[in-house]
Amino acid sequence: MKIWEILLIVFCVAVVAGVIAAKVIAKKKGKPSCDCGCGGCSGCSACQKAKEDQNRK
């Protein structure tokens, strides 16, 4: 393997790890997974139920 191939692999792994870390942090903060609101979401009822459960605590 050449050095640029290794750097490309390291960069891709870093991007994937960053996306996963951002999703985990957002989940811990209680944000919805899609971050787009519930306007046209097919899973809106699941989000609303989770929000209601969090508000009760």
PDB file of N, CA and C in Angstrom:
ATOM      1  N   MET A   1       0.834  -1.184   0.000  1.00  0.00           N
ATOM      2  CA  MET A   1       0.000   0.000   0.000  1.00  0.00           C
ATOM      3  C   MET A   1       0.872   1.239   0.000  1.00  0.00           C
ATOM      4  N   LYS A   2       0.373   2.212  -0.688  1.00  0.00           N
ATOM      5  CA  LYS A   2       1.085   3.483  -0.726  1.00  0.00           C
ATOM      6  C   LYS A   2       0.578   4.376   0.400  1.00  0.00           C
ATOM      7  N   ILE A   3       1.333   5.400   0.720  1.00  0.00           N
ATOM      8  CA  ILE A   3       1.006   6.279   1.841  1.00  0.00           C
ATOM      9  C   ILE A   3      -0.331   6.979   1.651  1.00  0.00           C
ATOM     10  N   TRP A   4      -0.667   7.374   0.424  1.00  0.00           N
ATOM     11  CA  TRP A   4      -1.928   8.076   0.207  1.00  0.00           C
ATOM     12  C   TRP A   4      -3.119   7.144   0.423  1.00  0.00           C
ATOM     13  N   GLU A   5      -2.956   5.852   0.163  1.00  0.00           N
ATOM     14  CA  GLU A   5      -4.025   4.894   0.417  1.00  0.00           C
ATOM     15  C   GLU A   5      -4.266   4.731   1.914  1.00  0.00           C
ATOM     16  N   ILE A   6      -3.184   4.680   2.669  1.00  0.00           N
ATOM     17  CA  ILE A   6      -3.291   4.571   4.128  1.00  0.00           C
ATOM     18  C   ILE A   6      -3.950   5.817   4.703  1.00  0.00           C
ATOM     19  N   LEU A   7      -3.535   6.983   4.216  1.00  0.00           N
ATOM     20  CA  LEU A   7      -4.148   8.227   4.688  1.00  0.00           C
ATOM     21  C   LEU A   7      -5.626   8.289   4.343  1.00  0.00           C
ATOM     22  N   LEU A   8      -6.004   7.812   3.190  1.00  0.00           N
ATOM     23  CA  LEU A   8      -7.409   7.794   2.789  1.00  0.00           C
ATOM     24  C   LEU A   8      -8.223   6.887   3.706  1.00  0.00           C
ATOM     25  N   ILE A   9      -7.686   5.731   4.040  1.00  0.00           N
ATOM     26  CA  ILE A   9      -8.378   4.811   4.949  1.00  0.00           C
ATOM     27  C   ILE A   9      -8.521   5.439   6.329  1.00  0.00           C
ATOM     28  N   VAL A  10      -7.468   6.061   6.833  1.00  0.00           N
ATOM     29  CA  VAL A  10      -7.518   6.716   8.149  1.00  0.00           C
ATOM     30  C   VAL A  10      -8.542   7.843   8.136  1.00  0.00           C
ATOM     31  N   PHE A  11      -8.587   8.611   7.066  1.00  0.00           N
ATOM     32  CA  PHE A  11      -9.550   9.705   6.953  1.00  0.00           C
ATOM     33  C   PHE A  11     -10.984   9.168   6.952  1.00  0.00           C
ATOM     34  N   CYS A  12     -11.243   8.117   6.193  1.00  0.00           N
ATOM     35  CA  CYS A  12     -12.589   7.537   6.136  1.00  0.00           C
ATOM     36  C   CYS A  12     -13.018   6.983   7.493  1.00  0.00           C
ATOM     37  N   VAL A  13     -12.114   6.327   8.191  1.00  0.00           N
ATOM     38  CA  VAL A  13     -12.427   5.806   9.523  1.00  0.00           C
ATOM     39  C   VAL A  13     -12.723   6.954  10.481  1.00  0.00           C
ATOM     40  N   ALA A  14     -11.971   8.043  10.381  1.00  0.00           N
ATOM     41  CA  ALA A  14     -12.199   9.203  11.246  1.00  0.00           C
ATOM     42  C   ALA A  14     -13.563   9.835  10.970  1.00  0.00           C
ATOM     43  N   VAL A  15     -13.962   9.910   9.718  1.00  0.00           N
ATOM     44  CA  VAL A  15     -15.267  10.480   9.371  1.00  0.00           C
ATOM     45  C   VAL A  15     -16.390   9.614   9.940  1.00  0.00           C
ATOM     46  N   VAL A  16     -16.294   8.306   9.762  1.00  0.00           N
ATOM     47  CA  VAL A  16     -17.318   7.400  10.278  1.00  0.00           C
ATOM     48  C   VAL A  16     -17.380   7.481  11.810  1.00  0.00           C
ATOM     49  N   ALA A  17     -16.227   7.504  12.461  1.00  0.00           N
ATOM     50  CA  ALA A  17     -16.201   7.611  13.925  1.00  0.00           C
ATOM     51  C   ALA A  17     -16.808   8.930  14.386  1.00  0.00           C
ATOM     52  N   GLY A  18     -16.565  10.001  13.651  1.00  0.00           N
ATOM     53  CA  GLY A  18     -17.147  11.297  13.996  1.00  0.00           C
ATOM     54  C   GLY A  18     -18.658  11.310  13.877  1.00  0.00           C
ATOM     55  N   VAL A  19     -19.174  10.688  12.846  1.00  0.00           N
ATOM     56  CA  VAL A  19     -20.631  10.616  12.670  1.00  0.00           C
ATOM     57  C   VAL A  19     -21.262   9.800  13.794  1.00  0.00           C
ATOM     58  N   ILE A  20     -20.648   8.674  14.116  1.00  0.00           N
ATOM     59  CA  ILE A  20     -21.165   7.840  15.208  1.00  0.00           C
ATOM     60  C   ILE A  20     -21.112   8.592  16.530  1.00  0.00           C
ATOM     61  N   ALA A  21     -20.019   9.277  16.799  1.00  0.00           N
ATOM     62  CA  ALA A  21     -19.889  10.041  18.046  1.00  0.00           C
ATOM     63  C   ALA A  21     -20.935  11.151  18.116  1.00  0.00           C
ATOM     64  N   ALA A  22     -21.186  11.823  17.004  1.00  0.00           N
ATOM     65  CA  ALA A  22     -22.187  12.890  16.992  1.00  0.00           C
ATOM     66  C   ALA A  22     -23.578  12.335  17.280  1.00  0.00           C
ATOM     67  N   LYS A  23     -23.901  11.171  16.740  1.00  0.00           N
ATOM     68  CA  LYS A  23     -25.205  10.551  16.997  1.00  0.00           C
ATOM     69  C   LYS A  23     -25.338  10.123  18.453  1.00  0.00           C
ATOM     70  N   VAL A  24     -24.271   9.580  19.029  1.00  0.00           N
ATOM     71  CA  VAL A  24     -24.309   9.168  20.433  1.00  0.00           C
ATOM     72  C   VAL A  24     -24.497  10.379  21.334  1.00  0.00           C
ATOM     73  N   ILE A  25     -23.792  11.462  21.056  1.00  0.00           N
ATOM     74  CA  ILE A  25     -23.922  12.681  21.857  1.00  0.00           C
ATOM     75  C   ILE A  25     -25.327  13.256  21.739  1.00  0.00           C
ATOM     76  N   ALA A  26     -25.865  13.279  20.518  1.00  0.00           N
ATOM     77  CA  ALA A  26     -27.225  13.790  20.317  1.00  0.00           C
ATOM     78  C   ALA A  26     -28.241  12.921  21.056  1.00  0.00           C
ATOM     79  N   LYS A  27     -28.040  11.618  21.039  1.00  0.00           N
ATOM     80  CA  LYS A  27     -28.950  10.703  21.737  1.00  0.00           C
ATOM     81  C   LYS A  27     -28.921  10.952  23.239  1.00  0.00           C
ATOM     82  N   LYS A  28     -27.722  11.185  23.794  1.00  0.00           N
ATOM     83  CA  LYS A  28     -27.605  11.457  25.228  1.00  0.00           C
ATOM     84  C   LYS A  28     -28.263  12.774  25.603  1.00  0.00           C
ATOM     85  N   LYS A  29     -28.281  13.742  24.682  1.00  0.00           N
ATOM     86  CA  LYS A  29     -28.916  15.030  24.942  1.00  0.00           C
ATOM     87  C   LYS A  29     -30.421  14.972  24.733  1.00  0.00           C
ATOM     88  N   GLY A  30     -30.928  13.854  24.227  1.00  0.00           N
ATOM     89  CA  GLY A  30     -32.357  13.675  24.051  1.00  0.00           C
ATOM     90  C   GLY A  30     -32.900  14.205  22.741  1.00  0.00           C
ATOM     91  N   LYS A  31     -32.030  14.473  21.796  1.00  0.00           N
ATOM     92  CA  LYS A  31     -32.492  14.981  20.507  1.00  0.00           C
ATOM     93  C   LYS A  31     -32.985  13.818  19.654  1.00  0.00           C
ATOM     94  N   PRO A  32     -33.932  14.069  18.743  1.00  0.00           N
ATOM     95  CA  PRO A  32     -34.378  12.995  17.862  1.00  0.00           C
ATOM     96  C   PRO A  32     -33.258  12.555  16.934  1.00  0.00           C
ATOM     97  N   SER A  33     -33.344  11.336  16.472  1.00  0.00           N
ATOM     98  CA  SER A  33     -32.251  10.789  15.668  1.00  0.00           C
ATOM     99  C   SER A  33     -32.124  11.448  14.306  1.00  0.00           C
ATOM    100  N   CYS A  34     -33.218  11.969  13.767  1.00  0.00           N
ATOM    101  CA  CYS A  34     -33.143  12.542  12.422  1.00  0.00           C
ATOM    102  C   CYS A  34     -32.894  14.050  12.449  1.00  0.00           C
ATOM    103  N   ASP A  35     -33.132  14.719  13.568  1.00  0.00           N
ATOM    104  CA  ASP A  35     -32.932  16.158  13.724  1.00  0.00           C
ATOM    105  C   ASP A  35     -33.700  17.002  12.713  1.00  0.00           C
ATOM    106  N   CYS A  36     -34.819  16.479  12.214  1.00  0.00           N
ATOM    107  CA  CYS A  36     -35.559  17.240  11.214  1.00  0.00           C
ATOM    108  C   CYS A  36     -36.952  17.622  11.686  1.00  0.00           C
ATOM    109  N   GLY A  37     -37.291  17.327  12.910  1.00  0.00           N
ATOM    110  CA  GLY A  37     -38.632  17.607  13.381  1.00  0.00           C
ATOM    111  C   GLY A  37     -39.561  16.466  13.017  1.00  0.00           C
ATOM    112  N   CYS A  38     -40.835  16.659  13.238  1.00  0.00           N
ATOM    113  CA  CYS A  38     -41.784  15.571  13.001  1.00  0.00           C
ATOM    114  C   CYS A  38     -42.774  15.900  11.885  1.00  0.00           C
ATOM    115  N   GLY A  39     -42.488  16.888  11.060  1.00  0.00           N
ATOM    116  CA  GLY A  39     -43.414  17.304  10.022  1.00  0.00           C
ATOM    117  C   GLY A  39     -43.875  16.194   9.110  1.00  0.00           C
ATOM    118  N   GLY A  40     -42.988  15.508   8.450  1.00  0.00           N
ATOM    119  CA  GLY A  40     -43.373  14.461   7.523  1.00  0.00           C
ATOM    120  C   GLY A  40     -42.791  13.117   7.893  1.00  0.00           C
ATOM    121  N   CYS A  41     -42.502  12.926   9.148  1.00  0.00           N
ATOM    122  CA  CYS A  41     -41.818  11.720   9.607  1.00  0.00           C
ATOM    123  C   CYS A  41     -42.804  10.571   9.771  1.00  0.00           C
ATOM    124  N   SER A  42     -42.457   9.418   9.239  1.00  0.00           N
ATOM    125  CA  SER A  42     -43.325   8.246   9.382  1.00  0.00           C
ATOM    126  C   SER A  42     -43.271   7.684  10.805  1.00  0.00           C
ATOM    127  N   GLY A  43     -42.230   7.997  11.552  1.00  0.00           N
ATOM    128  CA  GLY A  43     -42.096   7.517  12.919  1.00  0.00           C
ATOM    129  C   GLY A  43     -42.442   8.574  13.950  1.00  0.00           C
ATOM    130  N   CYS A  44     -43.244   9.538  13.567  1.00  0.00           N
ATOM    131  CA  CYS A  44     -43.579  10.665  14.443  1.00  0.00           C
ATOM    132  C   CYS A  44     -44.214  10.197  15.746  1.00  0.00           C
ATOM    133  N   SER A  45     -45.076   9.202  15.674  1.00  0.00           N
ATOM    134  CA  SER A  45     -45.751   8.739  16.888  1.00  0.00           C
ATOM    135  C   SER A  45     -44.742   8.183  17.888  1.00  0.00           C
ATOM    136  N   ALA A  46     -43.693   7.541  17.421  1.00  0.00           N
ATOM    137  CA  ALA A  46     -42.668   7.007  18.318  1.00  0.00           C
ATOM    138  C   ALA A  46     -41.892   8.142  18.973  1.00  0.00           C
ATOM    139  N   CYS A  47     -41.584   9.192  18.208  1.00  0.00           N
ATOM    140  CA  CYS A  47     -40.865  10.340  18.768  1.00  0.00           C
ATOM    141  C   CYS A  47     -41.717  11.042  19.813  1.00  0.00           C
ATOM    142  N   GLN A  48     -42.970  11.249  19.523  1.00  0.00           N
ATOM    143  CA  GLN A  48     -43.855  11.950  20.455  1.00  0.00           C
ATOM    144  C   GLN A  48     -44.007  11.165  21.748  1.00  0.00           C
ATOM    145  N   LYS A  49     -44.121   9.839  21.650  1.00  0.00           N
ATOM    146  CA  LYS A  49     -44.240   9.020  22.852  1.00  0.00           C
ATOM    147  C   LYS A  49     -42.972   9.112  23.688  1.00  0.00           C
ATOM    148  N   ALA A  50     -41.824   9.090  23.060  1.00  0.00           N
ATOM    149  CA  ALA A  50     -40.556   9.193  23.793  1.00  0.00           C
ATOM    150  C   ALA A  50     -40.434  10.550  24.462  1.00  0.00           C
ATOM    151  N   LYS A  51     -40.852  11.621  23.780  1.00  0.00           N
ATOM    152  CA  LYS A  51     -40.796  12.963  24.365  1.00  0.00           C
ATOM    153  C   LYS A  51     -41.730  13.063  25.563  1.00  0.00           C
ATOM    154  N   GLU A  52     -42.921  12.482  25.459  1.00  0.00           N
ATOM    155  CA  GLU A  52     -43.869  12.505  26.582  1.00  0.00           C
ATOM    156  C   GLU A  52     -43.300  11.750  27.774  1.00  0.00           C
ATOM    157  N   ASP A  53     -42.666  10.609  27.515  1.00  0.00           N
ATOM    158  CA  ASP A  53     -42.077   9.821  28.596  1.00  0.00           C
ATOM    159  C   ASP A  53     -40.965  10.591  29.293  1.00  0.00           C
ATOM    160  N   GLN A  54     -40.155  11.321  28.518  1.00  0.00           N
ATOM    161  CA  GLN A  54     -39.065  12.114  29.106  1.00  0.00           C
ATOM    162  C   GLN A  54     -39.621  13.252  29.936  1.00  0.00           C
ATOM    163  N   ASN A  55     -40.709  13.856  29.498  1.00  0.00           N
ATOM    164  CA  ASN A  55     -41.299  14.987  30.214  1.00  0.00           C
ATOM    165  C   ASN A  55     -41.922  14.547  31.533  1.00  0.00           C
ATOM    166  N   ARG A  56     -42.356  13.312  31.622  1.00  0.00           N
ATOM    167  CA  ARG A  56     -42.970  12.805  32.851  1.00  0.00           C
ATOM    168  C   ARG A  56     -41.947  12.574  33.955  1.00  0.00           C
ATOM    169  N   LYS A  57     -40.704  12.353  33.576  1.00  0.00           N
ATOM    170  CA  LYS A  57     -39.669  12.023  34.584  1.00  0.00           C
ATOM    171  C   LYS A  57     -39.265  13.208  35.378  1.00  0.00           C
TER     172      LYS A  57
END
